[in-house]
Amino acid sequence: QVQFDPHIKRDIQAYYDRFYNLSLDNFAVGDVGFNQTDNERF
């Protein structure tokens, strides 16, 4: 767990909007699809 300036996500989002046809959120790992809860899995 590390900190970063949230503005970087805006720039990455703009990049994905330009070059990908999937949302940036499609590439982030969450707890959806895991049998365990988020706190149990990670």
PDB file of all heavy atoms in Angstrom:
ATOM      1  N   GLN A   1       0.858  -1.182   0.000  1.00  0.00           N
ATOM      2  CA  GLN A   1       0.000   0.000   0.000  1.00  0.00           C
ATOM      3  C   GLN A   1       0.897   1.236   0.000  1.00  0.00           C
ATOM      4  O   GLN A   1       1.643   1.476   0.941  1.00  0.00           O
ATOM      5  CB  GLN A   1      -0.924  -0.002   1.222  1.00  0.00           C
ATOM      6  CG  GLN A   1      -2.057   0.997   1.135  1.00  0.00           C
ATOM      7  CD  GLN A   1      -3.135   0.706   2.171  1.00  0.00           C
ATOM      8  OE1 GLN A   1      -2.818   0.314   3.299  1.00  0.00           O
ATOM      9  NE2 GLN A   1      -4.384   0.878   1.810  1.00  0.00           N
ATOM     10  N   VAL A   2       0.837   2.003  -1.085  1.00  0.00           N
ATOM     11  CA  VAL A   2       1.653   3.200  -1.224  1.00  0.00           C
ATOM     12  C   VAL A   2       0.762   4.375  -1.625  1.00  0.00           C
ATOM     13  O   VAL A   2      -0.312   4.193  -2.193  1.00  0.00           O
ATOM     14  CB  VAL A   2       2.769   3.018  -2.273  1.00  0.00           C
ATOM     15  CG1 VAL A   2       3.809   2.033  -1.793  1.00  0.00           C
ATOM     16  CG2 VAL A   2       2.187   2.538  -3.603  1.00  0.00           C
ATOM     17  N   GLN A   3       1.231   5.566  -1.325  1.00  0.00           N
ATOM     18  CA  GLN A   3       0.476   6.771  -1.653  1.00  0.00           C
ATOM     19  C   GLN A   3       0.913   7.342  -2.997  1.00  0.00           C
ATOM     20  O   GLN A   3       2.053   7.152  -3.419  1.00  0.00           O
ATOM     21  CB  GLN A   3       0.672   7.822  -0.567  1.00  0.00           C
ATOM     22  CG  GLN A   3       0.147   7.407   0.805  1.00  0.00           C
ATOM     23  CD  GLN A   3       0.330   8.500   1.837  1.00  0.00           C
ATOM     24  OE1 GLN A   3       0.614   9.644   1.502  1.00  0.00           O
ATOM     25  NE2 GLN A   3       0.169   8.155   3.102  1.00  0.00           N
ATOM     26  N   PHE A   4      -0.009   8.025  -3.670  1.00  0.00           N
ATOM     27  CA  PHE A   4       0.311   8.700  -4.918  1.00  0.00           C
ATOM     28  C   PHE A   4      -0.665   9.854  -5.110  1.00  0.00           C
ATOM     29  O   PHE A   4      -1.746   9.885  -4.519  1.00  0.00           O
ATOM     30  CB  PHE A   4       0.242   7.734  -6.108  1.00  0.00           C
ATOM     31  CG  PHE A   4      -1.086   7.054  -6.272  1.00  0.00           C
ATOM     32  CD1 PHE A   4      -2.108   7.622  -7.027  1.00  0.00           C
ATOM     33  CD2 PHE A   4      -1.328   5.820  -5.669  1.00  0.00           C
ATOM     34  CE1 PHE A   4      -3.332   6.996  -7.176  1.00  0.00           C
ATOM     35  CE2 PHE A   4      -2.549   5.183  -5.810  1.00  0.00           C
ATOM     36  CZ  PHE A   4      -3.562   5.771  -6.564  1.00  0.00           C
ATOM     37  N   ASP A   5      -0.265  10.786  -5.945  1.00  0.00           N
ATOM     38  CA  ASP A   5      -1.132  11.912  -6.261  1.00  0.00           C
ATOM     39  C   ASP A   5      -2.289  11.413  -7.122  1.00  0.00           C
ATOM     40  O   ASP A   5      -2.053  10.814  -8.183  1.00  0.00           O
ATOM     41  CB  ASP A   5      -0.332  12.974  -7.018  1.00  0.00           C
ATOM     42  CG  ASP A   5      -1.105  14.278  -7.166  1.00  0.00           C
ATOM     43  OD1 ASP A   5      -2.245  14.231  -7.650  1.00  0.00           O
ATOM     44  OD2 ASP A   5      -0.561  15.339  -6.806  1.00  0.00           O
ATOM     45  N   PRO A   6      -3.537  11.637  -6.714  1.00  0.00           N
ATOM     46  CA  PRO A   6      -4.676  11.099  -7.474  1.00  0.00           C
ATOM     47  C   PRO A   6      -4.798  11.654  -8.883  1.00  0.00           C
ATOM     48  O   PRO A   6      -5.505  11.078  -9.715  1.00  0.00           O
ATOM     49  CB  PRO A   6      -5.881  11.481  -6.607  1.00  0.00           C
ATOM     50  CG  PRO A   6      -5.415  12.595  -5.732  1.00  0.00           C
ATOM     51  CD  PRO A   6      -3.960  12.345  -5.493  1.00  0.00           C
ATOM     52  N   HIS A   7      -4.112  12.766  -9.174  1.00  0.00           N
ATOM     53  CA  HIS A   7      -4.185  13.320 -10.523  1.00  0.00           C
ATOM     54  C   HIS A   7      -3.640  12.357 -11.575  1.00  0.00           C
ATOM     55  O   HIS A   7      -3.999  12.454 -12.745  1.00  0.00           O
ATOM     56  CB  HIS A   7      -3.410  14.644 -10.591  1.00  0.00           C
ATOM     57  CG  HIS A   7      -4.116  15.791  -9.935  1.00  0.00           C
ATOM     58  ND1 HIS A   7      -3.926  16.115  -8.616  1.00  0.00           N
ATOM     59  CD2 HIS A   7      -5.032  16.675 -10.415  1.00  0.00           C
ATOM     60  CE1 HIS A   7      -4.670  17.164  -8.301  1.00  0.00           C
ATOM     61  NE2 HIS A   7      -5.356  17.522  -9.369  1.00  0.00           N
ATOM     62  N   ILE A   8      -2.756  11.457 -11.176  1.00  0.00           N
ATOM     63  CA  ILE A   8      -2.189  10.531 -12.158  1.00  0.00           C
ATOM     64  C   ILE A   8      -3.279   9.666 -12.780  1.00  0.00           C
ATOM     65  O   ILE A   8      -3.210   9.319 -13.965  1.00  0.00           O
ATOM     66  CB  ILE A   8      -1.077   9.656 -11.531  1.00  0.00           C
ATOM     67  CG1 ILE A   8      -0.326   8.876 -12.609  1.00  0.00           C
ATOM     68  CG2 ILE A   8      -1.648   8.695 -10.504  1.00  0.00           C
ATOM     69  CD1 ILE A   8       0.479   9.737 -13.551  1.00  0.00           C
ATOM     70  N   LYS A   9      -4.321   9.341 -12.012  1.00  0.00           N
ATOM     71  CA  LYS A   9      -5.387   8.522 -12.562  1.00  0.00           C
ATOM     72  C   LYS A   9      -6.115   9.248 -13.683  1.00  0.00           C
ATOM     73  O   LYS A   9      -6.555   8.635 -14.656  1.00  0.00           O
ATOM     74  CB  LYS A   9      -6.367   8.100 -11.457  1.00  0.00           C
ATOM     75  CG  LYS A   9      -7.414   7.105 -11.941  1.00  0.00           C
ATOM     76  CD  LYS A   9      -8.264   6.579 -10.808  1.00  0.00           C
ATOM     77  CE  LYS A   9      -9.293   5.573 -11.339  1.00  0.00           C
ATOM     78  NZ  LYS A   9     -10.151   5.038 -10.258  1.00  0.00           N
ATOM     79  N   ARG A  10      -6.233  10.565 -13.566  1.00  0.00           N
ATOM     80  CA  ARG A  10      -6.868  11.344 -14.625  1.00  0.00           C
ATOM     81  C   ARG A  10      -6.087  11.191 -15.929  1.00  0.00           C
ATOM     82  O   ARG A  10      -6.674  11.014 -17.007  1.00  0.00           O
ATOM     83  CB  ARG A  10      -6.920  12.808 -14.205  1.00  0.00           C
ATOM     84  CG  ARG A  10      -7.482  13.766 -15.258  1.00  0.00           C
ATOM     85  CD  ARG A  10      -7.089  15.189 -14.920  1.00  0.00           C
ATOM     86  NE  ARG A  10      -5.632  15.363 -14.968  1.00  0.00           N
ATOM     87  CZ  ARG A  10      -4.994  16.411 -14.468  1.00  0.00           C
ATOM     88  NH1 ARG A  10      -5.667  17.374 -13.839  1.00  0.00           N
ATOM     89  NH2 ARG A  10      -3.686  16.501 -14.573  1.00  0.00           N
ATOM     90  N   ASP A  11      -4.769  11.255 -15.848  1.00  0.00           N
ATOM     91  CA  ASP A  11      -3.950  11.146 -17.052  1.00  0.00           C
ATOM     92  C   ASP A  11      -3.982   9.731 -17.628  1.00  0.00           C
ATOM     93  O   ASP A  11      -3.999   9.555 -18.855  1.00  0.00           O
ATOM     94  CB  ASP A  11      -2.517  11.548 -16.738  1.00  0.00           C
ATOM     95  CG  ASP A  11      -2.419  12.999 -16.297  1.00  0.00           C
ATOM     96  OD1 ASP A  11      -3.131  13.842 -16.885  1.00  0.00           O
ATOM     97  OD2 ASP A  11      -1.669  13.289 -15.357  1.00  0.00           O
ATOM     98  N   ILE A  12      -3.983   8.749 -16.754  1.00  0.00           N
ATOM     99  CA  ILE A  12      -4.062   7.370 -17.235  1.00  0.00           C
ATOM    100  C   ILE A  12      -5.425   7.121 -17.870  1.00  0.00           C
ATOM    101  O   ILE A  12      -5.531   6.453 -18.909  1.00  0.00           O
ATOM    102  CB  ILE A  12      -3.789   6.381 -16.076  1.00  0.00           C
ATOM    103  CG1 ILE A  12      -2.381   6.600 -15.515  1.00  0.00           C
ATOM    104  CG2 ILE A  12      -3.941   4.940 -16.550  1.00  0.00           C
ATOM    105  CD1 ILE A  12      -2.113   5.847 -14.232  1.00  0.00           C
ATOM    106  N   GLN A  13      -6.470   7.663 -17.266  1.00  0.00           N
ATOM    107  CA  GLN A  13      -7.807   7.517 -17.827  1.00  0.00           C
ATOM    108  C   GLN A  13      -7.881   8.123 -19.230  1.00  0.00           C
ATOM    109  O   GLN A  13      -8.454   7.527 -20.156  1.00  0.00           O
ATOM    110  CB  GLN A  13      -8.847   8.182 -16.924  1.00  0.00           C
ATOM    111  CG  GLN A  13     -10.283   8.050 -17.416  1.00  0.00           C
ATOM    112  CD  GLN A  13     -10.770   6.623 -17.365  1.00  0.00           C
ATOM    113  OE1 GLN A  13     -10.926   6.052 -16.284  1.00  0.00           O
ATOM    114  NE2 GLN A  13     -10.997   6.022 -18.527  1.00  0.00           N
ATOM    115  N   ALA A  14      -7.299   9.303 -19.406  1.00  0.00           N
ATOM    116  CA  ALA A  14      -7.286   9.934 -20.726  1.00  0.00           C
ATOM    117  C   ALA A  14      -6.543   9.071 -21.738  1.00  0.00           C
ATOM    118  O   ALA A  14      -6.958   8.960 -22.908  1.00  0.00           O
ATOM    119  CB  ALA A  14      -6.644  11.316 -20.620  1.00  0.00           C
ATOM    120  N   TYR A  15      -5.464   8.444 -21.294  1.00  0.00           N
ATOM    121  CA  TYR A  15      -4.703   7.551 -22.173  1.00  0.00           C
ATOM    122  C   TYR A  15      -5.543   6.339 -22.579  1.00  0.00           C
ATOM    123  O   TYR A  15      -5.594   5.959 -23.754  1.00  0.00           O
ATOM    124  CB  TYR A  15      -3.428   7.118 -21.457  1.00  0.00           C
ATOM    125  CG  TYR A  15      -2.610   6.088 -22.193  1.00  0.00           C
ATOM    126  CD1 TYR A  15      -1.719   6.467 -23.183  1.00  0.00           C
ATOM    127  CD2 TYR A  15      -2.725   4.735 -21.889  1.00  0.00           C
ATOM    128  CE1 TYR A  15      -0.959   5.524 -23.862  1.00  0.00           C
ATOM    129  CE2 TYR A  15      -1.971   3.789 -22.549  1.00  0.00           C
ATOM    130  CZ  TYR A  15      -1.091   4.185 -23.541  1.00  0.00           C
ATOM    131  OH  TYR A  15      -0.351   3.251 -24.208  1.00  0.00           O
ATOM    132  N   TYR A  16      -6.219   5.745 -21.609  1.00  0.00           N
ATOM    133  CA  TYR A  16      -7.056   4.582 -21.908  1.00  0.00           C
ATOM    134  C   TYR A  16      -8.219   4.965 -22.820  1.00  0.00           C
ATOM    135  O   TYR A  16      -8.597   4.204 -23.709  1.00  0.00           O
ATOM    136  CB  TYR A  16      -7.560   3.947 -20.612  1.00  0.00           C
ATOM    137  CG  TYR A  16      -6.613   2.920 -20.044  1.00  0.00           C
ATOM    138  CD1 TYR A  16      -5.393   3.293 -19.477  1.00  0.00           C
ATOM    139  CD2 TYR A  16      -6.914   1.570 -20.070  1.00  0.00           C
ATOM    140  CE1 TYR A  16      -4.513   2.366 -18.958  1.00  0.00           C
ATOM    141  CE2 TYR A  16      -6.047   0.623 -19.557  1.00  0.00           C
ATOM    142  CZ  TYR A  16      -4.845   1.021 -19.004  1.00  0.00           C
ATOM    143  OH  TYR A  16      -3.975   0.095 -18.507  1.00  0.00           O
ATOM    144  N   ASP A  17      -8.804   6.115 -22.593  1.00  0.00           N
ATOM    145  CA  ASP A  17      -9.907   6.562 -23.454  1.00  0.00           C
ATOM    146  C   ASP A  17      -9.446   6.722 -24.893  1.00  0.00           C
ATOM    147  O   ASP A  17     -10.221   6.487 -25.835  1.00  0.00           O
ATOM    148  CB  ASP A  17     -10.458   7.899 -22.942  1.00  0.00           C
ATOM    149  CG  ASP A  17     -11.221   7.762 -21.632  1.00  0.00           C
ATOM    150  OD1 ASP A  17     -11.577   6.626 -21.274  1.00  0.00           O
ATOM    151  OD2 ASP A  17     -11.438   8.792 -20.958  1.00  0.00           O
ATOM    152  N   ARG A  18      -8.181   7.086 -25.074  1.00  0.00           N
ATOM    153  CA  ARG A  18      -7.660   7.312 -26.420  1.00  0.00           C
ATOM    154  C   ARG A  18      -7.262   6.017 -27.117  1.00  0.00           C
ATOM    155  O   ARG A  18      -7.508   5.853 -28.318  1.00  0.00           O
ATOM    156  CB  ARG A  18      -6.454   8.252 -26.347  1.00  0.00           C
ATOM    157  CG  ARG A  18      -5.834   8.552 -27.701  1.00  0.00           C
ATOM    158  CD  ARG A  18      -4.641   9.490 -27.555  1.00  0.00           C
ATOM    159  NE  ARG A  18      -4.006   9.745 -28.842  1.00  0.00           N
ATOM    160  CZ  ARG A  18      -2.860  10.404 -28.990  1.00  0.00           C
ATOM    161  NH1 ARG A  18      -2.238  10.886 -27.913  1.00  0.00           N
ATOM    162  NH2 ARG A  18      -2.336  10.583 -30.180  1.00  0.00           N
ATOM    163  N   PHE A  19      -6.681   5.074 -26.385  1.00  0.00           N
ATOM    164  CA  PHE A  19      -6.080   3.911 -27.034  1.00  0.00           C
ATOM    165  C   PHE A  19      -6.781   2.575 -26.764  1.00  0.00           C
ATOM    166  O   PHE A  19      -6.488   1.596 -27.429  1.00  0.00           O
ATOM    167  CB  PHE A  19      -4.610   3.796 -26.621  1.00  0.00           C
ATOM    168  CG  PHE A  19      -3.753   4.922 -27.123  1.00  0.00           C
ATOM    169  CD1 PHE A  19      -3.296   5.906 -26.269  1.00  0.00           C
ATOM    170  CD2 PHE A  19      -3.421   5.006 -28.457  1.00  0.00           C
ATOM    171  CE1 PHE A  19      -2.496   6.941 -26.729  1.00  0.00           C
ATOM    172  CE2 PHE A  19      -2.627   6.030 -28.941  1.00  0.00           C
ATOM    173  CZ  PHE A  19      -2.166   7.011 -28.070  1.00  0.00           C
ATOM    174  N   TYR A  20      -7.649   2.510 -25.787  1.00  0.00           N
ATOM    175  CA  TYR A  20      -8.346   1.264 -25.469  1.00  0.00           C
ATOM    176  C   TYR A  20      -9.847   1.449 -25.681  1.00  0.00           C
ATOM    177  O   TYR A  20     -10.356   2.561 -25.616  1.00  0.00           O
ATOM    178  CB  TYR A  20      -8.108   0.850 -24.013  1.00  0.00           C
ATOM    179  CG  TYR A  20      -6.720   0.344 -23.703  1.00  0.00           C
ATOM    180  CD1 TYR A  20      -5.685   1.232 -23.424  1.00  0.00           C
ATOM    181  CD2 TYR A  20      -6.442  -1.014 -23.667  1.00  0.00           C
ATOM    182  CE1 TYR A  20      -4.408   0.778 -23.131  1.00  0.00           C
ATOM    183  CE2 TYR A  20      -5.176  -1.480 -23.369  1.00  0.00           C
ATOM    184  CZ  TYR A  20      -4.151  -0.578 -23.099  1.00  0.00           C
ATOM    185  OH  TYR A  20      -2.898  -1.041 -22.812  1.00  0.00           O
ATOM    186  N   ASN A  21     -10.550   0.356 -25.906  1.00  0.00           N
ATOM    187  CA  ASN A  21     -12.008   0.435 -25.977  1.00  0.00           C
ATOM    188  C   ASN A  21     -12.665  -0.208 -24.757  1.00  0.00           C
ATOM    189  O   ASN A  21     -13.794  -0.656 -24.813  1.00  0.00           O
ATOM    190  CB  ASN A  21     -12.536  -0.202 -27.273  1.00  0.00           C
ATOM    191  CG  ASN A  21     -12.060  -1.624 -27.460  1.00  0.00           C
ATOM    192  OD1 ASN A  21     -11.532  -2.235 -26.532  1.00  0.00           O
ATOM    193  ND2 ASN A  21     -12.246  -2.167 -28.655  1.00  0.00           N
ATOM    194  N   LEU A  22     -11.889  -0.263 -23.661  1.00  0.00           N
ATOM    195  CA  LEU A  22     -12.407  -0.713 -22.376  1.00  0.00           C
ATOM    196  C   LEU A  22     -12.124   0.365 -21.334  1.00  0.00           C
ATOM    197  O   LEU A  22     -11.145   1.113 -21.444  1.00  0.00           O
ATOM    198  CB  LEU A  22     -11.744  -2.025 -21.935  1.00  0.00           C
ATOM    199  CG  LEU A  22     -12.102  -3.291 -22.717  1.00  0.00           C
ATOM    200  CD1 LEU A  22     -11.229  -4.447 -22.240  1.00  0.00           C
ATOM    201  CD2 LEU A  22     -13.568  -3.647 -22.545  1.00  0.00           C
ATOM    202  N   SER A  23     -12.966   0.418 -20.320  1.00  0.00           N
ATOM    203  CA  SER A  23     -12.759   1.382 -19.253  1.00  0.00           C
ATOM    204  C   SER A  23     -11.532   1.030 -18.434  1.00  0.00           C
ATOM    205  O   SER A  23     -11.169  -0.146 -18.296  1.00  0.00           O
ATOM    206  CB  SER A  23     -13.988   1.416 -18.337  1.00  0.00           C
ATOM    207  OG  SER A  23     -13.710   2.095 -17.132  1.00  0.00           O
ATOM    208  N   LEU A  24     -10.892   2.039 -17.879  1.00  0.00           N
ATOM    209  CA  LEU A  24      -9.757   1.816 -16.991  1.00  0.00           C
ATOM    210  C   LEU A  24     -10.137   0.906 -15.836  1.00  0.00           C
ATOM    211  O   LEU A  24      -9.320   0.099 -15.372  1.00  0.00           O
ATOM    212  CB  LEU A  24      -9.252   3.164 -16.469  1.00  0.00           C
ATOM    213  CG  LEU A  24      -8.048   3.166 -15.530  1.00  0.00           C
ATOM    214  CD1 LEU A  24      -6.838   2.552 -16.212  1.00  0.00           C
ATOM    215  CD2 LEU A  24      -7.733   4.586 -15.072  1.00  0.00           C
ATOM    216  N   ASP A  25     -11.368   1.006 -15.368  1.00  0.00           N
ATOM    217  CA  ASP A  25     -11.814   0.188 -14.240  1.00  0.00           C
ATOM    218  C   ASP A  25     -11.811  -1.297 -14.574  1.00  0.00           C
ATOM    219  O   ASP A  25     -11.778  -2.141 -13.669  1.00  0.00           O
ATOM    220  CB  ASP A  25     -13.204   0.614 -13.792  1.00  0.00           C
ATOM    221  CG  ASP A  25     -13.201   2.004 -13.156  1.00  0.00           C
ATOM    222  OD1 ASP A  25     -12.133   2.415 -12.670  1.00  0.00           O
ATOM    223  OD2 ASP A  25     -14.253   2.666 -13.162  1.00  0.00           O
ATOM    224  N   ASN A  26     -11.875  -1.628 -15.876  1.00  0.00           N
ATOM    225  CA  ASN A  26     -11.829  -3.037 -16.259  1.00  0.00           C
ATOM    226  C   ASN A  26     -10.484  -3.675 -15.937  1.00  0.00           C
ATOM    227  O   ASN A  26     -10.376  -4.907 -15.859  1.00  0.00           O
ATOM    228  CB  ASN A  26     -12.108  -3.201 -17.757  1.00  0.00           C
ATOM    229  CG  ASN A  26     -13.553  -2.964 -18.106  1.00  0.00           C
ATOM    230  OD1 ASN A  26     -13.935  -1.865 -18.485  1.00  0.00           O
ATOM    231  ND2 ASN A  26     -14.384  -3.978 -17.968  1.00  0.00           N
ATOM    232  N   PHE A  27      -9.462  -2.856 -15.767  1.00  0.00           N
ATOM    233  CA  PHE A  27      -8.119  -3.390 -15.548  1.00  0.00           C
ATOM    234  C   PHE A  27      -7.717  -3.392 -14.079  1.00  0.00           C
ATOM    235  O   PHE A  27      -6.702  -3.980 -13.719  1.00  0.00           O
ATOM    236  CB  PHE A  27      -7.103  -2.578 -16.363  1.00  0.00           C
ATOM    237  CG  PHE A  27      -7.262  -2.728 -17.843  1.00  0.00           C
ATOM    238  CD1 PHE A  27      -8.084  -1.876 -18.549  1.00  0.00           C
ATOM    239  CD2 PHE A  27      -6.607  -3.739 -18.531  1.00  0.00           C
ATOM    240  CE1 PHE A  27      -8.247  -2.011 -19.927  1.00  0.00           C
ATOM    241  CE2 PHE A  27      -6.757  -3.882 -19.899  1.00  0.00           C
ATOM    242  CZ  PHE A  27      -7.578  -3.017 -20.597  1.00  0.00           C
ATOM    243  N   ALA A  28      -8.483  -2.726 -13.239  1.00  0.00           N
ATOM    244  CA  ALA A  28      -8.155  -2.684 -11.810  1.00  0.00           C
ATOM    245  C   ALA A  28      -8.677  -3.928 -11.116  1.00  0.00           C
ATOM    246  O   ALA A  28      -9.739  -4.462 -11.462  1.00  0.00           O
ATOM    247  CB  ALA A  28      -8.751  -1.431 -11.179  1.00  0.00           C
ATOM    248  N   VAL A  29      -7.936  -4.414 -10.136  1.00  0.00           N
ATOM    249  CA  VAL A  29      -8.310  -5.622  -9.401  1.00  0.00           C
ATOM    250  C   VAL A  29      -9.109  -5.220  -8.168  1.00  0.00           C
ATOM    251  O   VAL A  29      -8.633  -4.464  -7.321  1.00  0.00           O
ATOM    252  CB  VAL A  29      -7.062  -6.424  -8.982  1.00  0.00           C
ATOM    253  CG1 VAL A  29      -7.461  -7.662  -8.182  1.00  0.00           C
ATOM    254  CG2 VAL A  29      -6.248  -6.818 -10.209  1.00  0.00           C
ATOM    255  N   GLY A  30     -10.330  -5.719  -8.055  1.00  0.00           N
ATOM    256  CA  GLY A  30     -11.148  -5.522  -6.861  1.00  0.00           C
ATOM    257  C   GLY A  30     -11.438  -6.860  -6.218  1.00  0.00           C
ATOM    258  O   GLY A  30     -10.741  -7.849  -6.469  1.00  0.00           O
ATOM    259  N   ASP A  31     -12.486  -6.924  -5.421  1.00  0.00           N
ATOM    260  CA  ASP A  31     -12.816  -8.186  -4.767  1.00  0.00           C
ATOM    261  C   ASP A  31     -13.925  -8.933  -5.492  1.00  0.00           C
ATOM    262  O   ASP A  31     -14.318 -10.010  -5.070  1.00  0.00           O
ATOM    263  CB  ASP A  31     -13.211  -7.955  -3.304  1.00  0.00           C
ATOM    264  CG  ASP A  31     -14.433  -7.062  -3.170  1.00  0.00           C
ATOM    265  OD1 ASP A  31     -14.751  -6.350  -4.123  1.00  0.00           O
ATOM    266  OD2 ASP A  31     -15.056  -7.085  -2.095  1.00  0.00           O
ATOM    267  N   VAL A  32     -14.444  -8.378  -6.588  1.00  0.00           N
ATOM    268  CA  VAL A  32     -15.506  -9.054  -7.335  1.00  0.00           C
ATOM    269  C   VAL A  32     -14.947 -10.314  -7.978  1.00  0.00           C
ATOM    270  O   VAL A  32     -13.895 -10.293  -8.624  1.00  0.00           O
ATOM    271  CB  VAL A  32     -16.090  -8.121  -8.411  1.00  0.00           C
ATOM    272  CG1 VAL A  32     -17.133  -8.854  -9.236  1.00  0.00           C
ATOM    273  CG2 VAL A  32     -16.696  -6.887  -7.766  1.00  0.00           C
ATOM    274  N   GLY A  33     -15.636 -11.410  -7.804  1.00  0.00           N
ATOM    275  CA  GLY A  33     -15.219 -12.674  -8.398  1.00  0.00           C
ATOM    276  C   GLY A  33     -14.451 -13.573  -7.459  1.00  0.00           C
ATOM    277  O   GLY A  33     -14.217 -14.738  -7.768  1.00  0.00           O
ATOM    278  N   PHE A  34     -14.025 -13.064  -6.300  1.00  0.00           N
ATOM    279  CA  PHE A  34     -13.314 -13.882  -5.336  1.00  0.00           C
ATOM    280  C   PHE A  34     -14.307 -14.488  -4.350  1.00  0.00           C
ATOM    281  O   PHE A  34     -15.297 -13.859  -3.968  1.00  0.00           O
ATOM    282  CB  PHE A  34     -12.277 -13.055  -4.574  1.00  0.00           C
ATOM    283  CG  PHE A  34     -11.195 -12.499  -5.454  1.00  0.00           C
ATOM    284  CD1 PHE A  34     -11.224 -11.178  -5.873  1.00  0.00           C
ATOM    285  CD2 PHE A  34     -10.155 -13.302  -5.888  1.00  0.00           C
ATOM    286  CE1 PHE A  34     -10.232 -10.660  -6.694  1.00  0.00           C
ATOM    287  CE2 PHE A  34      -9.154 -12.802  -6.704  1.00  0.00           C
ATOM    288  CZ  PHE A  34      -9.201 -11.479  -7.118  1.00  0.00           C
ATOM    289  N   ASN A  35     -14.029 -15.706  -3.933  1.00  0.00           N
ATOM    290  CA  ASN A  35     -14.899 -16.359  -2.953  1.00  0.00           C
ATOM    291  C   ASN A  35     -14.764 -15.730  -1.576  1.00  0.00           C
ATOM    292  O   ASN A  35     -15.678 -15.786  -0.766  1.00  0.00           O
ATOM    293  CB  ASN A  35     -14.583 -17.855  -2.877  1.00  0.00           C
ATOM    294  CG  ASN A  35     -14.965 -18.592  -4.145  1.00  0.00           C
ATOM    295  OD1 ASN A  35     -15.953 -18.233  -4.791  1.00  0.00           O
ATOM    296  ND2 ASN A  35     -14.192 -19.594  -4.515  1.00  0.00           N
ATOM    297  N   GLN A  36     -13.603 -15.128  -1.307  1.00  0.00           N
ATOM    298  CA  GLN A  36     -13.378 -14.465  -0.032  1.00  0.00           C
ATOM    299  C   GLN A  36     -13.777 -12.995  -0.142  1.00  0.00           C
ATOM    300  O   GLN A  36     -13.860 -12.441  -1.231  1.00  0.00           O
ATOM    301  CB  GLN A  36     -11.896 -14.554   0.354  1.00  0.00           C
ATOM    302  CG  GLN A  36     -11.374 -15.976   0.459  1.00  0.00           C
ATOM    303  CD  GLN A  36      -9.889 -16.017   0.217  1.00  0.00           C
ATOM    304  OE1 GLN A  36      -9.438 -16.051  -0.909  1.00  0.00           O
ATOM    305  NE2 GLN A  36      -9.117 -16.010   1.298  1.00  0.00           N
ATOM    306  N   THR A  37     -14.008 -12.364   0.988  1.00  0.00           N
ATOM    307  CA  THR A  37     -14.222 -10.923   0.980  1.00  0.00           C
ATOM    308  C   THR A  37     -12.895 -10.228   0.696  1.00  0.00           C
ATOM    309  O   THR A  37     -11.825 -10.836   0.762  1.00  0.00           O
ATOM    310  CB  THR A  37     -14.762 -10.427   2.332  1.00  0.00           C
ATOM    311  OG1 THR A  37     -13.740 -10.595   3.333  1.00  0.00           O
ATOM    312  CG2 THR A  37     -16.012 -11.196   2.735  1.00  0.00           C
ATOM    313  N   ASP A  38     -12.953  -8.939   0.388  1.00  0.00           N
ATOM    314  CA  ASP A  38     -11.753  -8.172   0.071  1.00  0.00           C
ATOM    315  C   ASP A  38     -10.742  -8.238   1.209  1.00  0.00           C
ATOM    316  O   ASP A  38      -9.549  -8.430   0.992  1.00  0.00           O
ATOM    317  CB  ASP A  38     -12.159  -6.719  -0.208  1.00  0.00           C
ATOM    318  CG  ASP A  38     -11.038  -5.931  -0.858  1.00  0.00           C
ATOM    319  OD1 ASP A  38     -10.429  -6.452  -1.803  1.00  0.00           O
ATOM    320  OD2 ASP A  38     -10.781  -4.799  -0.428  1.00  0.00           O
ATOM    321  N   ASN A  39     -11.200  -8.095   2.440  1.00  0.00           N
ATOM    322  CA  ASN A  39     -10.291  -8.109   3.587  1.00  0.00           C
ATOM    323  C   ASN A  39      -9.693  -9.480   3.829  1.00  0.00           C
ATOM    324  O   ASN A  39      -8.601  -9.611   4.374  1.00  0.00           O
ATOM    325  CB  ASN A  39     -11.010  -7.620   4.842  1.00  0.00           C
ATOM    326  CG  ASN A  39     -11.284  -6.123   4.807  1.00  0.00           C
ATOM    327  OD1 ASN A  39     -10.597  -5.387   4.118  1.00  0.00           O
ATOM    328  ND2 ASN A  39     -12.308  -5.699   5.530  1.00  0.00           N
ATOM    329  N   GLU A  40     -10.434 -10.542   3.444  1.00  0.00           N
ATOM    330  CA  GLU A  40      -9.898 -11.884   3.614  1.00  0.00           C
ATOM    331  C   GLU A  40      -8.883 -12.223   2.529  1.00  0.00           C
ATOM    332  O   GLU A  40      -7.888 -12.886   2.781  1.00  0.00           O
ATOM    333  CB  GLU A  40     -11.043 -12.904   3.562  1.00  0.00           C
ATOM    334  CG  GLU A  40     -11.974 -12.878   4.764  1.00  0.00           C
ATOM    335  CD  GLU A  40     -13.148 -13.807   4.588  1.00  0.00           C
ATOM    336  OE1 GLU A  40     -13.527 -14.070   3.433  1.00  0.00           O
ATOM    337  OE2 GLU A  40     -13.694 -14.278   5.599  1.00  0.00           O
ATOM    338  N   ARG A  41      -9.150 -11.782   1.302  1.00  0.00           N
ATOM    339  CA  ARG A  41      -8.290 -12.167   0.180  1.00  0.00           C
ATOM    340  C   ARG A  41      -6.981 -11.387   0.161  1.00  0.00           C
ATOM    341  O   ARG A  41      -5.926 -11.939  -0.147  1.00  0.00           O
ATOM    342  CB  ARG A  41      -9.058 -11.955  -1.137  1.00  0.00           C
ATOM    343  CG  ARG A  41      -8.241 -12.285  -2.388  1.00  0.00           C
ATOM    344  CD  ARG A  41      -7.796 -13.740  -2.402  1.00  0.00           C
ATOM    345  NE  ARG A  41      -6.692 -13.970  -3.312  1.00  0.00           N
ATOM    346  CZ  ARG A  41      -5.821 -14.958  -3.193  1.00  0.00           C
ATOM    347  NH1 ARG A  41      -5.908 -15.813  -2.202  1.00  0.00           N
ATOM    348  NH2 ARG A  41      -4.850 -15.105  -4.064  1.00  0.00           N
ATOM    349  N   PHE A  42      -7.034 -10.083   0.445  1.00  0.00           N
ATOM    350  CA  PHE A  42      -5.852  -9.236   0.289  1.00  0.00           C
ATOM    351  C   PHE A  42      -5.335  -8.772   1.647  1.00  0.00           C
ATOM    352  O   PHE A  42      -6.088  -8.275   2.479  1.00  0.00           O
ATOM    353  CB  PHE A  42      -6.174  -8.032  -0.593  1.00  0.00           C
ATOM    354  CG  PHE A  42      -6.515  -8.419  -2.007  1.00  0.00           C
ATOM    355  CD1 PHE A  42      -7.836  -8.493  -2.421  1.00  0.00           C
ATOM    356  CD2 PHE A  42      -5.522  -8.736  -2.908  1.00  0.00           C
ATOM    357  CE1 PHE A  42      -8.156  -8.864  -3.715  1.00  0.00           C
ATOM    358  CE2 PHE A  42      -5.826  -9.110  -4.210  1.00  0.00           C
ATOM    359  CZ  PHE A  42      -7.155  -9.173  -4.614  1.00  0.00           C
TER     360      PHE A  42
END
